[in-house]
Amino acid sequence: MAAPDPTSARADSEPVGPGSGAAALERSPARLKLKRFAEALGQQPHLMSVRDGVIGALPLILVGSIFLLCAQPPTAALQAKVAPYAPTLLIPYRMLGGVLALYVCFGCAYSLAKRYALDPLTSALTAVATYLVALTPLPLADKAAGVGLPFARLGAGGMFGALALAILAVEVTRFFDRRRWTIQLPGGAPDVIIKSFAALIPCCVSIVIAWAVVHVVHFDVIGAAASLARPLVHAGNTLPAALAVVAIDSGMWLIGVHGYAVLAAFKPVWLQMLVENMNAAAAGLHPPNVGVQEMFMWFVWQGGSGSTLAVALWLLRAKSASLRSVGKLAALPAIFNINEPLLFGLPMVLNGALAIPFLLAPLCTATTAWCAFHFDWVARPRLEVIWTIPSPVGAYLTTGGDWRAVVLELFNLALTFAIYAPFLRRYDRKILAQEQAAPAPEKATVPEIAT
């Protein structure tokens, strides 16, 4: 549904905010259909388990990023000092980001098993075992040492295969559990023993399937999954993809639907792109990916969805008392990228008067950020950073300490100010007029006491 033109005479004559037109939008069939779609997507067990597995691995990526930043500090002087210790500092990074698929596989299977009311621990361990069996061991340079597992398959390159095998293992377990085709021990046995025997047959079937498909039929499940995901990673690096992500996020929020319910499906792609950038940086190579999630977090969604940090700061000088109070409430959270007080307190949600800048501002900042990284004017994001730190700090750290990232972040902040300012001034004047037209509260009078 198109937002009303804030410069039209009709916008002047209608109340602004969640009343009237917003109420009609609230009841519109299109919005209800989109809301139902987003809710269905948010409840789809496989997508949500993939999301949980990816998000569960993020603390490990964050810790690995810290070691990578220590091994490759932002200045040449520090790099010279830590160079003798760099191989040792990179060991935790390689054992965290380097075996990312293993952690994601466990987390995804654990989450899906919980959603199916299965035993999550045995299901997750079965999924990891299935994934490891599907790997193809490689002979080591020292033949006496035997064979080893390829890190390329344990890291970002094997993540999509690990997710597919995690879902397969849990679905096999669910298939046998629903039909009671499991080993049932008599009562009195410890619960952990009962669960272990109940998981024996599904575990065996999952592992045999992976072994037969990969090592007997010679179909590379992990390689096939990586090949299918590669076009998604390639598309994610394009400007149209970046603009589509921003448009989906802002569009969902404007009609009152959490944008994350839809964008959660992009999580595995974003994580693979980030880890590929981290691996390239650790090897001293140029990071290949532009459209990682960190680009949106620190250079597009400053203050939260809709690039609302500029809004919160602008409201601190609003003329109307109500908007100024919202600014005082929302400014501090917005600095730390929390913008729910603005989205629902201003409000931004279902507010046609601010719909245009809410869509336009992040589209513009996404364009400037993508161009800056694509043409290598600024170092590409390569490190995971806690999302609640202020944007300039996050921008500096995620690029490995590039001062130009701070300049880009401040430029985008000024750009969002310029886009939002005329709409906020007009909105402020309207709210101020409503406040002045409202009747003053009557003063309470004390009745006289007759003497």
Protein backbone atom coordinates (compact mmCIF):
# COMPACT_ATOMS: atom_id res chain seq x y z
CA MET A 1 0.00 0.00 0.00
CA ALA A 2 1.50 3.33 -1.02
CA ALA A 3 2.29 5.82 1.71
CA PRO A 4 0.44 9.15 1.52
CA ASP A 5 2.34 12.09 0.13
CA PRO A 6 3.38 14.22 3.14
CA THR A 7 3.25 17.38 1.01
CA SER A 8 -0.34 16.89 -0.11
CA ALA A 9 -3.27 18.93 1.17
CA ARG A 10 -4.95 15.73 2.32
CA ALA A 11 -2.03 14.98 4.61
CA ASP A 12 -2.47 18.43 6.11
CA SER A 13 -6.12 17.85 6.89
CA GLU A 14 -5.79 14.36 8.36
CA PRO A 15 -4.43 13.52 11.78
CA VAL A 16 -0.95 12.07 11.81
CA GLY A 17 -0.01 8.96 13.76
CA PRO A 18 -1.60 5.62 14.44
CA GLY A 19 -5.14 6.89 14.17
CA SER A 20 -7.44 7.23 11.14
CA GLY A 21 -5.33 6.30 8.08
CA ALA A 22 -3.06 4.13 10.20
CA ALA A 23 -6.08 2.29 11.56
CA ALA A 24 -7.28 1.68 8.00
CA LEU A 25 -3.85 0.31 7.11
CA GLU A 26 -3.99 -1.87 10.22
CA ARG A 27 -7.17 -3.50 8.86
CA SER A 28 -6.09 -3.66 5.20
CA PRO A 29 -6.16 -7.12 3.60
CA ALA A 30 -2.68 -6.67 2.13
CA ARG A 31 -1.14 -5.98 5.52
CA LEU A 32 -2.96 -8.91 7.13
CA LYS A 33 -1.73 -11.24 4.38
CA LEU A 34 1.85 -10.03 4.80
CA LYS A 35 1.61 -10.40 8.56
CA ARG A 36 0.31 -13.95 8.25
CA PHE A 37 3.10 -14.75 5.79
CA ALA A 38 5.77 -13.35 8.13
CA GLU A 39 4.29 -15.21 11.10
CA ALA A 40 4.21 -18.46 9.13
CA LEU A 41 7.82 -17.89 8.10
CA GLY A 42 8.72 -17.15 11.71
CA GLN A 43 7.20 -20.46 12.82
CA GLN A 44 8.65 -22.67 10.07
CA PRO A 45 10.71 -25.15 12.12
CA HIS A 46 13.52 -25.77 9.61
CA LEU A 47 14.17 -22.09 8.89
CA MET A 48 14.06 -21.18 12.55
CA SER A 49 16.39 -24.04 13.45
CA VAL A 50 18.85 -22.92 10.78
CA ARG A 51 18.65 -19.41 12.23
CA ASP A 52 19.20 -20.72 15.77
CA GLY A 53 22.19 -22.77 14.68
CA VAL A 54 23.79 -19.80 12.96
CA ILE A 55 23.08 -17.37 15.79
CA GLY A 56 24.30 -19.90 18.34
CA ALA A 57 27.69 -19.96 16.61
CA LEU A 58 28.07 -16.16 16.57
CA PRO A 59 29.77 -15.93 20.01
CA LEU A 60 32.45 -18.28 18.71
CA ILE A 61 32.90 -16.12 15.62
CA LEU A 62 33.13 -13.06 17.88
CA VAL A 63 35.86 -14.64 19.99
CA GLY A 64 37.67 -15.70 16.82
CA SER A 65 37.41 -12.12 15.53
CA ILE A 66 39.10 -10.85 18.68
CA PHE A 67 42.08 -13.17 18.15
CA LEU A 68 42.21 -12.25 14.46
CA LEU A 69 42.25 -8.55 15.34
CA CYS A 70 45.06 -9.18 17.86
CA ALA A 71 47.05 -11.10 15.24
CA GLN A 72 46.49 -8.37 12.66
CA PRO A 73 46.17 -5.04 14.52
CA PRO A 74 45.17 -1.90 12.61
CA THR A 75 48.56 -0.14 12.55
CA ALA A 76 51.84 -1.16 10.93
CA ALA A 77 53.77 -0.53 14.15
CA LEU A 78 51.58 -2.92 16.12
CA GLN A 79 51.70 -5.49 13.33
CA ALA A 80 55.49 -5.49 13.48
CA LYS A 81 55.39 -6.09 17.23
CA VAL A 82 52.92 -8.97 17.15
CA ALA A 83 54.31 -10.61 13.97
CA PRO A 84 56.34 -13.23 15.93
CA TYR A 85 53.22 -14.22 17.87
CA ALA A 86 50.73 -14.07 14.99
CA PRO A 87 50.74 -17.84 14.22
CA THR A 88 49.97 -18.60 17.87
CA LEU A 89 47.27 -15.92 18.05
CA LEU A 90 45.58 -17.35 14.95
CA ILE A 91 45.18 -20.83 16.47
CA PRO A 92 41.94 -19.99 18.39
CA TYR A 93 40.57 -18.23 15.31
CA ARG A 94 41.23 -21.26 13.10
CA MET A 95 39.64 -23.63 15.60
CA LEU A 96 36.55 -21.41 15.92
CA GLY A 97 35.85 -19.97 12.47
CA GLY A 98 37.78 -22.77 10.78
CA VAL A 99 35.38 -25.48 11.99
CA LEU A 100 32.27 -23.33 11.89
CA ALA A 101 30.19 -25.96 10.08
CA LEU A 102 30.62 -28.35 13.00
CA TYR A 103 29.16 -25.85 15.50
CA VAL A 104 26.33 -24.80 13.19
CA CYS A 105 25.41 -28.44 12.56
CA PHE A 106 25.15 -29.15 16.28
CA GLY A 107 23.15 -25.97 17.01
CA CYS A 108 20.69 -26.46 14.14
CA ALA A 109 19.99 -30.10 15.06
CA TYR A 110 19.64 -29.22 18.75
CA SER A 111 17.09 -26.49 18.01
CA LEU A 112 15.07 -28.60 15.55
CA ALA A 113 14.95 -31.55 17.95
CA LYS A 114 13.62 -29.28 20.71
CA ARG A 115 10.90 -28.02 18.38
CA TYR A 116 9.91 -31.63 17.67
CA ALA A 117 10.03 -32.56 21.39
CA LEU A 118 12.86 -35.03 20.76
CA ASP A 119 15.93 -35.47 22.92
CA PRO A 120 18.05 -32.53 21.71
CA LEU A 121 21.45 -33.78 22.88
CA THR A 122 21.39 -37.19 21.22
CA SER A 123 19.85 -35.69 18.08
CA ALA A 124 22.58 -33.04 17.86
CA LEU A 125 25.34 -35.58 18.42
CA THR A 126 23.81 -37.84 15.75
CA ALA A 127 23.78 -34.88 13.33
CA VAL A 128 27.46 -34.09 14.00
CA ALA A 129 28.40 -37.76 13.53
CA THR A 130 26.44 -37.87 10.26
CA TYR A 131 28.21 -34.75 9.03
CA LEU A 132 31.67 -36.11 9.92
CA VAL A 133 30.95 -39.39 8.14
CA ALA A 134 29.94 -37.40 5.04
CA LEU A 135 33.35 -35.72 4.96
CA THR A 136 36.02 -37.25 2.76
CA PRO A 137 39.30 -37.67 4.69
CA LEU A 138 42.44 -36.59 2.86
CA PRO A 139 45.90 -38.19 3.18
CA LEU A 140 48.37 -36.05 5.09
CA ALA A 141 51.77 -35.05 3.73
CA ASP A 142 53.32 -37.29 6.35
CA LYS A 143 51.88 -40.66 5.33
CA ALA A 144 52.76 -42.14 8.70
CA ALA A 145 50.31 -39.69 10.31
CA GLY A 146 47.41 -41.18 8.35
CA VAL A 147 44.58 -38.99 7.07
CA GLY A 148 42.97 -35.74 8.17
CA LEU A 149 39.73 -33.84 7.76
CA PRO A 150 39.76 -30.93 5.27
CA PHE A 151 39.39 -27.56 6.98
CA ALA A 152 37.76 -26.19 3.84
CA ARG A 153 34.82 -28.52 4.48
CA LEU A 154 34.72 -27.92 8.22
CA GLY A 155 34.54 -24.15 7.82
CA ALA A 156 32.27 -21.85 5.84
CA GLY A 157 32.59 -24.02 2.73
CA GLY A 158 30.80 -26.90 4.45
CA MET A 159 28.20 -24.94 6.38
CA PHE A 160 25.26 -25.48 4.03
CA GLY A 161 26.01 -29.19 3.77
CA ALA A 162 26.20 -29.37 7.56
CA LEU A 163 22.81 -27.68 7.88
CA ALA A 164 21.25 -30.09 5.37
CA LEU A 165 22.69 -33.13 7.15
CA ALA A 166 21.58 -31.77 10.54
CA ILE A 167 17.99 -31.51 9.28
CA LEU A 168 18.25 -35.00 7.74
CA ALA A 169 19.45 -36.56 11.00
CA VAL A 170 16.67 -34.98 13.05
CA GLU A 171 13.99 -35.87 10.52
CA VAL A 172 15.16 -39.50 10.53
CA THR A 173 15.03 -39.50 14.33
CA ARG A 174 11.54 -38.01 14.23
CA PHE A 175 10.40 -40.60 11.66
CA PHE A 176 11.42 -43.51 13.90
CA ASP A 177 10.24 -41.85 17.11
CA ARG A 178 6.70 -41.20 15.80
CA ARG A 179 6.35 -44.85 14.79
CA ARG A 180 7.93 -46.17 17.99
CA TRP A 181 10.58 -47.99 15.94
CA THR A 182 13.14 -47.53 18.69
CA ILE A 183 14.67 -49.70 21.39
CA GLN A 184 12.47 -49.32 24.45
CA LEU A 185 14.08 -50.30 27.75
CA PRO A 186 11.90 -51.44 30.64
CA GLY A 187 11.15 -49.04 33.47
CA GLY A 188 13.70 -48.48 36.18
CA ALA A 189 16.65 -47.75 33.89
CA PRO A 190 18.29 -44.32 34.19
CA ASP A 191 16.79 -41.72 31.88
CA VAL A 192 20.09 -41.08 30.08
CA ILE A 193 20.40 -44.80 29.26
CA ILE A 194 16.81 -44.93 27.99
CA LYS A 195 17.46 -41.97 25.67
CA SER A 196 20.73 -43.43 24.42
CA PHE A 197 19.13 -46.75 23.43
CA ALA A 198 16.13 -44.97 21.89
CA ALA A 199 18.53 -42.99 19.67
CA LEU A 200 20.52 -46.06 18.60
CA ILE A 201 18.46 -47.09 15.54
CA PRO A 202 17.88 -43.52 14.16
CA CYS A 203 21.59 -42.76 14.66
CA CYS A 204 22.58 -45.89 12.78
CA VAL A 205 20.19 -45.16 9.91
CA SER A 206 21.37 -41.52 9.54
CA ILE A 207 25.03 -42.51 9.48
CA VAL A 208 24.44 -45.36 7.03
CA ILE A 209 22.54 -43.00 4.68
CA ALA A 210 25.41 -40.47 4.73
CA TRP A 211 28.04 -43.20 4.26
CA ALA A 212 26.15 -44.88 1.40
CA VAL A 213 25.41 -41.65 -0.49
CA VAL A 214 28.90 -40.14 -0.15
CA HIS A 215 31.26 -43.13 -0.08
CA VAL A 216 29.33 -45.81 -1.99
CA VAL A 217 27.34 -43.83 -4.55
CA HIS A 218 30.10 -41.14 -4.57
CA PHE A 219 27.70 -38.19 -4.44
CA ASP A 220 29.35 -35.26 -2.67
CA VAL A 221 26.54 -33.92 -0.48
CA ILE A 222 28.63 -31.17 1.10
CA GLY A 223 30.08 -30.03 -2.22
CA ALA A 224 26.64 -30.03 -3.85
CA ALA A 225 25.18 -27.92 -1.05
CA ALA A 226 28.08 -25.47 -1.35
CA SER A 227 27.54 -25.24 -5.11
CA LEU A 228 23.84 -24.52 -4.64
CA ALA A 229 24.64 -21.79 -2.10
CA ARG A 230 27.33 -20.13 -4.19
CA PRO A 231 24.85 -18.21 -6.41
CA LEU A 232 23.21 -16.86 -3.24
CA VAL A 233 26.57 -15.59 -1.98
CA HIS A 234 27.34 -14.08 -5.39
CA ALA A 235 23.92 -12.39 -5.54
CA GLY A 236 24.34 -11.11 -1.98
CA ASN A 237 27.33 -9.06 -3.12
CA THR A 238 25.33 -7.06 -5.66
CA LEU A 239 23.80 -3.64 -5.11
CA PRO A 240 20.25 -4.79 -6.04
CA ALA A 241 20.46 -7.46 -3.35
CA ALA A 242 21.56 -4.90 -0.75
CA LEU A 243 18.70 -2.59 -1.71
CA ALA A 244 16.23 -5.49 -1.61
CA VAL A 245 17.31 -6.40 1.94
CA VAL A 246 16.81 -2.82 3.10
CA ALA A 247 13.46 -2.47 1.32
CA ILE A 248 12.16 -5.70 2.88
CA ASP A 249 13.28 -4.68 6.36
CA SER A 250 11.81 -1.16 6.21
CA GLY A 251 8.66 -2.29 4.41
CA MET A 252 7.90 -4.95 7.00
CA TRP A 253 8.42 -2.55 9.89
CA LEU A 254 6.18 0.10 8.33
CA ILE A 255 3.21 -2.27 8.38
CA GLY A 256 3.98 -3.48 11.90
CA VAL A 257 5.73 -6.76 11.04
CA HIS A 258 9.18 -7.47 12.48
CA GLY A 259 11.58 -7.40 9.54
CA TYR A 260 13.82 -9.98 11.17
CA ALA A 261 11.13 -12.66 10.66
CA VAL A 262 11.84 -12.51 6.93
CA LEU A 263 15.54 -11.62 6.94
CA ALA A 264 16.40 -14.54 9.23
CA ALA A 265 16.51 -16.70 6.10
CA PHE A 266 19.60 -14.72 4.98
CA LYS A 267 21.58 -15.57 8.12
CA PRO A 268 23.50 -18.60 6.76
CA VAL A 269 24.49 -16.70 3.62
CA TRP A 270 25.68 -13.69 5.62
CA LEU A 271 27.66 -15.87 8.00
CA GLN A 272 29.41 -17.72 5.18
CA MET A 273 30.28 -14.40 3.53
CA LEU A 274 31.71 -13.05 6.79
CA VAL A 275 33.80 -16.14 7.47
CA GLU A 276 35.17 -16.05 3.91
CA ASN A 277 36.25 -12.46 4.55
CA MET A 278 37.84 -13.49 7.86
CA ASN A 279 39.71 -16.36 6.21
CA ALA A 280 40.99 -14.05 3.48
CA ALA A 281 42.15 -11.49 6.04
CA ALA A 282 43.89 -14.18 8.10
CA ALA A 283 45.73 -15.30 4.95
CA GLY A 284 46.69 -11.73 4.06
CA LEU A 285 44.36 -11.70 1.05
CA HIS A 286 41.71 -9.25 -0.11
CA PRO A 287 38.27 -10.02 1.48
CA PRO A 288 36.00 -11.10 -1.40
CA ASN A 289 32.53 -10.19 -0.08
CA VAL A 290 30.81 -6.81 0.16
CA GLY A 291 27.21 -7.45 1.23
CA VAL A 292 27.90 -9.03 4.62
CA GLN A 293 25.52 -8.37 7.48
CA GLU A 294 28.10 -6.10 9.11
CA MET A 295 27.76 -3.66 6.21
CA PHE A 296 24.09 -3.21 7.09
CA MET A 297 24.63 -3.18 10.85
CA TRP A 298 27.26 -0.45 10.99
CA PHE A 299 26.86 1.60 7.82
CA VAL A 300 23.16 1.33 6.89
CA TRP A 301 21.01 0.58 9.94
CA GLN A 302 22.62 3.15 12.25
CA GLY A 303 20.53 3.16 15.38
CA GLY A 304 18.39 0.29 14.07
CA SER A 305 16.10 -0.43 11.13
CA GLY A 306 15.31 2.65 9.06
CA SER A 307 18.60 4.38 10.03
CA THR A 308 16.82 6.01 12.96
CA LEU A 309 19.81 7.28 14.97
CA ALA A 310 19.47 10.59 13.13
CA VAL A 311 15.77 10.70 14.06
CA ALA A 312 16.46 10.21 17.76
CA LEU A 313 19.11 12.95 17.79
CA TRP A 314 16.88 15.34 15.79
CA LEU A 315 13.97 14.87 18.20
CA LEU A 316 16.07 16.20 21.08
CA ARG A 317 15.55 19.70 19.55
CA ALA A 318 11.92 19.23 18.51
CA LYS A 319 9.55 22.11 19.29
CA SER A 320 6.63 19.93 20.36
CA ALA A 321 6.84 18.61 23.90
CA SER A 322 5.68 15.11 23.04
CA LEU A 323 8.26 14.56 20.30
CA ARG A 324 11.00 16.06 22.45
CA SER A 325 10.10 13.64 25.25
CA VAL A 326 10.28 10.74 22.77
CA GLY A 327 13.73 11.95 21.73
CA LYS A 328 14.93 12.04 25.34
CA LEU A 329 13.66 8.52 25.85
CA ALA A 330 14.98 7.10 22.56
CA ALA A 331 18.35 8.85 22.06
CA LEU A 332 20.44 6.72 24.41
CA PRO A 333 19.07 3.34 23.22
CA ALA A 334 19.48 4.48 19.58
CA ILE A 335 23.18 5.15 20.17
CA PHE A 336 23.44 1.48 21.08
CA ASN A 337 21.34 0.41 18.05
CA ILE A 338 18.08 -0.22 19.92
CA ASN A 339 15.23 1.67 18.27
CA GLU A 340 12.00 0.11 19.56
CA PRO A 341 11.23 3.29 21.59
CA LEU A 342 11.25 5.22 18.29
CA LEU A 343 9.45 2.63 16.20
CA PHE A 344 6.53 2.39 18.58
CA GLY A 345 6.81 5.62 20.57
CA LEU A 346 7.08 8.21 17.79
CA PRO A 347 5.64 6.09 16.10
CA MET A 348 7.38 5.02 12.88
CA VAL A 349 5.18 1.95 12.50
CA LEU A 350 1.98 2.67 10.50
CA ASN A 351 2.93 6.34 10.23
CA GLY A 352 2.43 7.56 6.67
CA ALA A 353 4.01 10.94 7.44
CA LEU A 354 7.43 9.33 7.99
CA ALA A 355 7.15 6.34 5.64
CA ILE A 356 9.09 7.96 2.78
CA PRO A 357 12.28 8.78 4.75
CA PHE A 358 12.04 5.47 6.64
CA LEU A 359 12.37 3.73 3.27
CA LEU A 360 14.57 6.27 1.49
CA ALA A 361 17.28 6.86 4.12
CA PRO A 362 18.54 3.26 4.40
CA LEU A 363 18.30 2.81 0.63
CA CYS A 364 20.62 5.78 0.18
CA THR A 365 23.07 4.71 2.88
CA ALA A 366 23.11 1.16 1.50
CA THR A 367 24.08 2.59 -1.88
CA THR A 368 26.93 4.72 -0.51
CA ALA A 369 28.21 1.88 1.71
CA TRP A 370 28.09 -0.69 -1.08
CA CYS A 371 29.95 1.62 -3.47
CA ALA A 372 32.58 2.41 -0.85
CA PHE A 373 33.31 -1.29 -0.24
CA HIS A 374 32.90 -2.42 -3.85
CA PHE A 375 35.43 0.11 -5.13
CA ASP A 376 37.69 -0.48 -2.10
CA TRP A 377 37.50 3.09 -0.88
CA VAL A 378 37.03 1.56 2.58
CA ALA A 379 38.31 -1.79 3.88
CA ARG A 380 35.58 -4.43 3.65
CA PRO A 381 34.00 -5.73 6.87
CA ARG A 382 35.79 -8.82 8.11
CA LEU A 383 35.21 -9.08 11.86
CA GLU A 384 32.19 -9.90 13.99
CA VAL A 385 31.49 -7.12 16.50
CA ILE A 386 28.93 -6.92 19.31
CA TRP A 387 25.93 -5.14 17.80
CA THR A 388 25.14 -2.96 20.83
CA ILE A 389 28.26 -0.79 20.69
CA PRO A 390 28.00 2.69 19.09
CA SER A 391 28.16 2.73 15.30
CA PRO A 392 31.48 4.59 14.81
CA VAL A 393 33.25 2.11 17.09
CA GLY A 394 31.60 -0.86 15.42
CA ALA A 395 32.45 0.49 11.96
CA TYR A 396 36.11 0.92 12.94
CA LEU A 397 36.44 -2.54 14.46
CA THR A 398 34.55 -4.55 11.84
CA THR A 399 36.88 -3.26 9.10
CA GLY A 400 39.98 -4.21 11.07
CA GLY A 401 40.70 -0.66 12.19
CA ASP A 402 40.24 1.39 9.03
CA TRP A 403 39.75 5.08 9.90
CA ARG A 404 37.95 5.60 6.59
CA ALA A 405 35.14 3.40 7.92
CA VAL A 406 34.42 6.03 10.59
CA VAL A 407 34.33 8.73 7.89
CA LEU A 408 31.86 6.64 5.87
CA GLU A 409 29.70 6.02 8.93
CA LEU A 410 29.58 9.73 9.80
CA PHE A 411 28.86 10.64 6.18
CA ASN A 412 25.91 8.24 6.13
CA LEU A 413 24.67 9.65 9.44
CA ALA A 414 24.73 13.17 7.96
CA LEU A 415 22.94 11.85 4.88
CA THR A 416 20.13 10.39 6.98
CA PHE A 417 19.84 13.71 8.84
CA ALA A 418 19.38 15.51 5.52
CA ILE A 419 16.74 13.02 4.35
CA TYR A 420 14.72 12.91 7.55
CA ALA A 421 14.92 16.63 8.46
CA PRO A 422 12.17 18.10 6.21
CA PHE A 423 9.74 15.33 7.11
CA LEU A 424 10.47 15.61 10.82
CA ARG A 425 10.09 19.42 10.78
CA ARG A 426 6.72 19.12 9.11
CA TYR A 427 5.65 16.37 11.50
CA ASP A 428 6.88 18.43 14.45
CA ARG A 429 4.85 21.47 13.36
CA LYS A 430 1.72 19.36 13.05
CA ILE A 431 2.14 17.82 16.51
CA LEU A 432 2.91 21.24 17.98
CA ALA A 433 -0.30 22.64 16.45
CA GLN A 434 -2.27 19.76 17.96
CA GLU A 435 -0.72 20.40 21.36
CA GLN A 436 -1.56 24.12 21.21
CA ALA A 437 -5.12 23.41 20.05
CA ALA A 438 -5.74 20.94 22.86
CA PRO A 439 -7.74 22.41 25.76
CA ALA A 440 -5.70 23.20 28.82
CA PRO A 441 -6.42 20.93 31.77
CA GLU A 442 -8.82 22.46 34.25
CA LYS A 443 -7.38 23.46 37.58
CA ALA A 444 -8.79 21.67 40.52
CA THR A 445 -10.74 24.00 42.83
CA VAL A 446 -11.05 23.54 46.55
CA PRO A 447 -14.61 24.02 47.76
CA GLU A 448 -15.08 26.66 50.39
CA ILE A 449 -16.09 25.45 53.82
CA ALA A 450 -18.97 27.31 55.24
CA THR A 451 -18.37 28.74 58.69
